[in-house]
Amino acid sequence: MRKLIAAINMTLDGFCDHTAIIPDEEMHQHYADLLNNASTILYGRITYQLMEYWQTVVKSPTGIKAIDEFAVTMDKIPKIVFSNTLKSVEWESAKLATQGLKEEVLELKQQAGKDILVGSPSLIVAMTQLGLIDEYQLCVHPVIAGGGLPLFKNINDKIILKLVKTKTFDSGAVILYYEPTRR
């Protein structure tokens, strides 16, 4: 069975805000490697539209190897977008979900292939509530944002996680790898 991994960047005070963090080449290389070890990434509409930025980098590379490689990797990975408002998606490697979240994810997990990633805060919350996530990769950046979108908004039940490893970046960011204990 394929593993569903929730991978997201957040500030030290628990907010998901891509404008607050400072990704460097090492960080972009890490996420390019993560994408290369997955066969699908799941997005909600807002994060999907944010990630469309990487198409512009593919068309006009920055000249920074890790960023340009990340853009190419992001461009090619298949994406499934969960949206109640989008009627179509322009990105060639993207498609709209045709089933409900639980049904779509359970079907994907049964298929052969590499890991499935989820990178939208709203989907991470919804999948946490459904008990679908096999691993959390929370990249905590050494930034206090002071406000923003909290990652685990609307989680009302206690969920026990087990720390399985960590990865530290030169920037001071740390990825905490957790698995649910499934109690």
C-alpha atoms as a PDB file:
ATOM      1  CA  MET A   1       0.000   0.000   0.000  1.00  0.00           C
ATOM      2  CA  ARG A   2       1.274   3.468  -0.879  1.00  0.00           C
ATOM      3  CA  LYS A   3       2.052   5.866   1.948  1.00  0.00           C
ATOM      4  CA  LEU A   4       0.297   9.240   2.272  1.00  0.00           C
ATOM      5  CA  ILE A   5       2.763  11.889   3.472  1.00  0.00           C
ATOM      6  CA  ALA A   6       1.717  15.342   4.677  1.00  0.00           C
ATOM      7  CA  ALA A   7       4.687  17.604   3.927  1.00  0.00           C
ATOM      8  CA  ILE A   8       4.508  21.296   4.713  1.00  0.00           C
ATOM      9  CA  ASN A   9       6.595  24.292   5.752  1.00  0.00           C
ATOM     10  CA  MET A  10       5.591  26.225   8.829  1.00  0.00           C
ATOM     11  CA  THR A  11       6.873  28.911  11.145  1.00  0.00           C
ATOM     12  CA  LEU A  12       8.025  28.253  14.690  1.00  0.00           C
ATOM     13  CA  ASP A  13       4.700  29.580  15.962  1.00  0.00           C
ATOM     14  CA  GLY A  14       2.755  27.082  13.838  1.00  0.00           C
ATOM     15  CA  PHE A  15       1.629  29.112  10.830  1.00  0.00           C
ATOM     16  CA  CYS A  16       1.693  28.051   7.180  1.00  0.00           C
ATOM     17  CA  ASP A  17       2.934  31.124   5.339  1.00  0.00           C
ATOM     18  CA  HIS A  18       5.266  30.720   2.391  1.00  0.00           C
ATOM     19  CA  THR A  19       6.091  34.429   2.493  1.00  0.00           C
ATOM     20  CA  ALA A  20       7.403  34.173   6.072  1.00  0.00           C
ATOM     21  CA  ILE A  21       9.977  31.441   5.452  1.00  0.00           C
ATOM     22  CA  ILE A  22      13.272  31.792   3.612  1.00  0.00           C
ATOM     23  CA  PRO A  23      13.841  28.717   1.436  1.00  0.00           C
ATOM     24  CA  ASP A  24      17.396  28.296   0.187  1.00  0.00           C
ATOM     25  CA  GLU A  25      19.015  25.949  -2.329  1.00  0.00           C
ATOM     26  CA  GLU A  26      19.352  23.166   0.244  1.00  0.00           C
ATOM     27  CA  MET A  27      15.629  23.384   1.007  1.00  0.00           C
ATOM     28  CA  HIS A  28      14.643  23.379  -2.673  1.00  0.00           C
ATOM     29  CA  GLN A  29      16.873  20.338  -3.265  1.00  0.00           C
ATOM     30  CA  HIS A  30      15.252  18.502  -0.355  1.00  0.00           C
ATOM     31  CA  TYR A  31      11.756  19.113  -1.720  1.00  0.00           C
ATOM     32  CA  ALA A  32      12.800  18.201  -5.273  1.00  0.00           C
ATOM     33  CA  ASP A  33      14.067  14.879  -3.884  1.00  0.00           C
ATOM     34  CA  LEU A  34      10.807  14.392  -1.973  1.00  0.00           C
ATOM     35  CA  LEU A  35       8.785  15.003  -5.145  1.00  0.00           C
ATOM     36  CA  ASN A  36      11.008  12.604  -7.102  1.00  0.00           C
ATOM     37  CA  ASN A  37      10.175   9.875  -4.562  1.00  0.00           C
ATOM     38  CA  ALA A  38       6.435  10.412  -4.959  1.00  0.00           C
ATOM     39  CA  SER A  39       4.081   9.720  -7.816  1.00  0.00           C
ATOM     40  CA  THR A  40       1.252  12.117  -6.943  1.00  0.00           C
ATOM     41  CA  ILE A  41       0.700  15.310  -4.979  1.00  0.00           C
ATOM     42  CA  LEU A  42      -2.674  16.425  -3.683  1.00  0.00           C
ATOM     43  CA  TYR A  43      -3.654  20.085  -3.435  1.00  0.00           C
ATOM     44  CA  GLY A  44      -6.611  22.198  -2.522  1.00  0.00           C
ATOM     45  CA  ARG A  45      -7.471  25.064  -4.851  1.00  0.00           C
ATOM     46  CA  ILE A  46      -5.580  27.802  -2.997  1.00  0.00           C
ATOM     47  CA  THR A  47      -2.293  25.921  -2.722  1.00  0.00           C
ATOM     48  CA  TYR A  48      -2.621  24.623  -6.282  1.00  0.00           C
ATOM     49  CA  GLN A  49      -2.993  28.161  -7.608  1.00  0.00           C
ATOM     50  CA  LEU A  50      -0.017  29.250  -5.509  1.00  0.00           C
ATOM     51  CA  MET A  51       2.113  26.398  -6.894  1.00  0.00           C
ATOM     52  CA  GLU A  52       1.280  27.355 -10.488  1.00  0.00           C
ATOM     53  CA  TYR A  53       4.088  29.889 -10.019  1.00  0.00           C
ATOM     54  CA  TRP A  54       6.591  27.096 -10.746  1.00  0.00           C
ATOM     55  CA  GLN A  55       5.402  26.921 -14.348  1.00  0.00           C
ATOM     56  CA  THR A  56       6.850  30.406 -14.873  1.00  0.00           C
ATOM     57  CA  VAL A  57      10.225  29.243 -13.525  1.00  0.00           C
ATOM     58  CA  VAL A  58      10.207  26.314 -15.965  1.00  0.00           C
ATOM     59  CA  LYS A  59       9.591  28.778 -18.820  1.00  0.00           C
ATOM     60  CA  SER A  60      12.114  31.349 -17.503  1.00  0.00           C
ATOM     61  CA  PRO A  61      14.730  29.602 -15.313  1.00  0.00           C
ATOM     62  CA  THR A  62      16.340  31.568 -12.495  1.00  0.00           C
ATOM     63  CA  GLY A  63      19.860  30.266 -13.113  1.00  0.00           C
ATOM     64  CA  ILE A  64      19.920  28.810  -9.585  1.00  0.00           C
ATOM     65  CA  LYS A  65      20.306  25.063 -10.090  1.00  0.00           C
ATOM     66  CA  ALA A  66      18.293  23.811  -7.085  1.00  0.00           C
ATOM     67  CA  ILE A  67      15.378  26.192  -7.715  1.00  0.00           C
ATOM     68  CA  ASP A  68      15.250  25.433 -11.438  1.00  0.00           C
ATOM     69  CA  GLU A  69      15.424  21.673 -10.799  1.00  0.00           C
ATOM     70  CA  PHE A  70      12.662  21.967  -8.218  1.00  0.00           C
ATOM     71  CA  ALA A  71      10.504  23.815 -10.755  1.00  0.00           C
ATOM     72  CA  VAL A  72      10.993  21.081 -13.368  1.00  0.00           C
ATOM     73  CA  THR A  73      10.209  18.372 -10.810  1.00  0.00           C
ATOM     74  CA  MET A  74       7.124  20.266  -9.605  1.00  0.00           C
ATOM     75  CA  ASP A  75       6.006  20.743 -13.180  1.00  0.00           C
ATOM     76  CA  LYS A  76       6.094  17.061 -14.052  1.00  0.00           C
ATOM     77  CA  ILE A  77       4.657  15.387 -10.918  1.00  0.00           C
ATOM     78  CA  PRO A  78       0.988  14.442 -11.337  1.00  0.00           C
ATOM     79  CA  LYS A  79      -1.285  16.660  -9.261  1.00  0.00           C
ATOM     80  CA  ILE A  80      -4.836  16.060  -8.103  1.00  0.00           C
ATOM     81  CA  VAL A  81      -6.720  19.202  -7.142  1.00  0.00           C
ATOM     82  CA  PHE A  82      -9.671  19.186  -4.764  1.00  0.00           C
ATOM     83  CA  SER A  83     -11.888  22.177  -5.448  1.00  0.00           C
ATOM     84  CA  ASN A  84     -15.549  23.076  -5.303  1.00  0.00           C
ATOM     85  CA  THR A  85     -15.029  26.151  -7.481  1.00  0.00           C
ATOM     86  CA  LEU A  86     -12.557  25.223 -10.230  1.00  0.00           C
ATOM     87  CA  LYS A  87     -14.161  23.718 -13.314  1.00  0.00           C
ATOM     88  CA  SER A  88     -10.840  22.949 -15.042  1.00  0.00           C
ATOM     89  CA  VAL A  89      -7.085  23.191 -14.502  1.00  0.00           C
ATOM     90  CA  GLU A  90      -4.563  24.481 -17.022  1.00  0.00           C
ATOM     91  CA  TRP A  91      -1.440  22.696 -15.799  1.00  0.00           C
ATOM     92  CA  GLU A  92      -0.848  19.654 -18.019  1.00  0.00           C
ATOM     93  CA  SER A  93       0.212  17.481 -15.077  1.00  0.00           C
ATOM     94  CA  ALA A  94      -2.863  18.379 -13.006  1.00  0.00           C
ATOM     95  CA  LYS A  95      -6.414  17.122 -12.913  1.00  0.00           C
ATOM     96  CA  LEU A  96      -9.426  17.799 -10.762  1.00  0.00           C
ATOM     97  CA  ALA A  97     -10.439  15.134  -8.264  1.00  0.00           C
ATOM     98  CA  THR A  98     -13.417  13.130  -9.480  1.00  0.00           C
ATOM     99  CA  GLN A  99     -14.388  11.639  -6.114  1.00  0.00           C
ATOM    100  CA  GLY A 100     -14.674  12.754  -2.531  1.00  0.00           C
ATOM    101  CA  LEU A 101     -11.463  13.189  -0.561  1.00  0.00           C
ATOM    102  CA  LYS A 102     -11.668   9.906   1.364  1.00  0.00           C
ATOM    103  CA  GLU A 103     -12.634   7.833  -1.683  1.00  0.00           C
ATOM    104  CA  GLU A 104      -9.965   9.388  -3.896  1.00  0.00           C
ATOM    105  CA  VAL A 105      -7.198   8.901  -1.319  1.00  0.00           C
ATOM    106  CA  LEU A 106      -8.177   5.329  -0.441  1.00  0.00           C
ATOM    107  CA  GLU A 107      -8.210   4.436  -4.145  1.00  0.00           C
ATOM    108  CA  LEU A 108      -4.787   6.056  -4.690  1.00  0.00           C
ATOM    109  CA  LYS A 109      -3.308   4.234  -1.701  1.00  0.00           C
ATOM    110  CA  GLN A 110      -4.378   0.887  -3.188  1.00  0.00           C
ATOM    111  CA  GLN A 111      -2.650   1.553  -6.522  1.00  0.00           C
ATOM    112  CA  ALA A 112       0.928   0.550  -7.246  1.00  0.00           C
ATOM    113  CA  GLY A 113       3.489   3.320  -7.249  1.00  0.00           C
ATOM    114  CA  LYS A 114       5.490   5.690  -5.125  1.00  0.00           C
ATOM    115  CA  ASP A 115       4.309   7.738  -2.145  1.00  0.00           C
ATOM    116  CA  ILE A 116       1.446  10.230  -2.301  1.00  0.00           C
ATOM    117  CA  LEU A 117       2.105  13.729  -0.987  1.00  0.00           C
ATOM    118  CA  VAL A 118      -0.340  16.268   0.373  1.00  0.00           C
ATOM    119  CA  GLY A 119       0.811  19.848   0.722  1.00  0.00           C
ATOM    120  CA  SER A 120      -2.270  21.962   1.421  1.00  0.00           C
ATOM    121  CA  PRO A 121      -3.110  22.970   4.994  1.00  0.00           C
ATOM    122  CA  SER A 122      -6.843  22.393   4.496  1.00  0.00           C
ATOM    123  CA  LEU A 123      -6.296  18.933   3.019  1.00  0.00           C
ATOM    124  CA  ILE A 124      -3.836  18.003   5.777  1.00  0.00           C
ATOM    125  CA  VAL A 125      -6.484  18.902   8.354  1.00  0.00           C
ATOM    126  CA  ALA A 126      -9.238  17.022   6.507  1.00  0.00           C
ATOM    127  CA  MET A 127      -7.070  13.934   6.020  1.00  0.00           C
ATOM    128  CA  THR A 128      -5.937  14.054   9.654  1.00  0.00           C
ATOM    129  CA  GLN A 129      -9.577  14.048  10.726  1.00  0.00           C
ATOM    130  CA  LEU A 130     -10.200  11.055   8.435  1.00  0.00           C
ATOM    131  CA  GLY A 131      -7.148   9.174   9.770  1.00  0.00           C
ATOM    132  CA  LEU A 132      -5.608   8.874   6.299  1.00  0.00           C
ATOM    133  CA  ILE A 133      -2.121  10.319   6.867  1.00  0.00           C
ATOM    134  CA  ASP A 134       0.705   7.822   7.331  1.00  0.00           C
ATOM    135  CA  GLU A 135       3.502  10.336   7.945  1.00  0.00           C
ATOM    136  CA  TYR A 136       3.817  14.031   8.745  1.00  0.00           C
ATOM    137  CA  GLN A 137       6.905  15.902   7.572  1.00  0.00           C
ATOM    138  CA  LEU A 138       6.677  19.262   9.283  1.00  0.00           C
ATOM    139  CA  CYS A 139       9.464  21.638   8.290  1.00  0.00           C
ATOM    140  CA  VAL A 140       9.695  24.194  11.089  1.00  0.00           C
ATOM    141  CA  HIS A 141      11.542  27.358  10.080  1.00  0.00           C
ATOM    142  CA  PRO A 142      13.328  29.613  12.583  1.00  0.00           C
ATOM    143  CA  VAL A 143      10.783  32.382  12.057  1.00  0.00           C
ATOM    144  CA  ILE A 144       8.053  33.686  14.334  1.00  0.00           C
ATOM    145  CA  ALA A 145       5.346  35.053  12.035  1.00  0.00           C
ATOM    146  CA  GLY A 146       3.065  36.408  14.736  1.00  0.00           C
ATOM    147  CA  GLY A 147      -0.055  35.390  12.833  1.00  0.00           C
ATOM    148  CA  GLY A 148      -1.399  33.646   9.792  1.00  0.00           C
ATOM    149  CA  LEU A 149      -3.010  30.345   8.906  1.00  0.00           C
ATOM    150  CA  PRO A 150      -2.490  27.800  11.699  1.00  0.00           C
ATOM    151  CA  LEU A 151      -1.696  24.327  10.381  1.00  0.00           C
ATOM    152  CA  PHE A 152      -3.939  22.253  12.620  1.00  0.00           C
ATOM    153  CA  LYS A 153      -6.939  24.571  12.684  1.00  0.00           C
ATOM    154  CA  ASN A 154     -10.200  22.783  13.569  1.00  0.00           C
ATOM    155  CA  ILE A 155      -8.567  19.617  14.927  1.00  0.00           C
ATOM    156  CA  ASN A 156     -10.578  18.917  18.061  1.00  0.00           C
ATOM    157  CA  ASP A 157      -9.442  15.412  18.957  1.00  0.00           C
ATOM    158  CA  LYS A 158      -6.144  14.537  20.593  1.00  0.00           C
ATOM    159  CA  ILE A 159      -3.838  12.734  18.171  1.00  0.00           C
ATOM    160  CA  ILE A 160      -0.670  11.082  19.435  1.00  0.00           C
ATOM    161  CA  LEU A 161       2.289  11.060  17.042  1.00  0.00           C
ATOM    162  CA  LYS A 162       5.630   9.280  17.258  1.00  0.00           C
ATOM    163  CA  LEU A 163       8.785  11.145  16.200  1.00  0.00           C
ATOM    164  CA  VAL A 164      10.646   8.820  13.818  1.00  0.00           C
ATOM    165  CA  LYS A 165      13.486  11.099  12.659  1.00  0.00           C
ATOM    166  CA  THR A 166      14.617  14.659  12.132  1.00  0.00           C
ATOM    167  CA  LYS A 167      16.566  16.523   9.475  1.00  0.00           C
ATOM    168  CA  THR A 168      18.312  19.824  10.152  1.00  0.00           C
ATOM    169  CA  PHE A 169      19.172  22.364   7.468  1.00  0.00           C
ATOM    170  CA  ASP A 170      22.012  24.890   7.530  1.00  0.00           C
ATOM    171  CA  SER A 171      19.349  27.634   7.642  1.00  0.00           C
ATOM    172  CA  GLY A 172      18.202  26.379  11.047  1.00  0.00           C
ATOM    173  CA  ALA A 173      15.009  24.848   9.691  1.00  0.00           C
ATOM    174  CA  VAL A 174      14.223  21.364  11.006  1.00  0.00           C
ATOM    175  CA  ILE A 175      11.988  18.706   9.501  1.00  0.00           C
ATOM    176  CA  LEU A 176      10.197  16.659  12.118  1.00  0.00           C
ATOM    177  CA  TYR A 177       9.067  13.282  10.770  1.00  0.00           C
ATOM    178  CA  TYR A 178       6.091  11.897  12.680  1.00  0.00           C
ATOM    179  CA  GLU A 179       3.876   8.849  12.340  1.00  0.00           C
ATOM    180  CA  PRO A 180       0.442   8.535  13.948  1.00  0.00           C
ATOM    181  CA  THR A 181       0.389   5.925  16.717  1.00  0.00           C
ATOM    182  CA  ARG A 182      -3.086   4.762  15.527  1.00  0.00           C
ATOM    183  CA  ARG A 183      -4.434   4.291  19.057  1.00  0.00           C
END
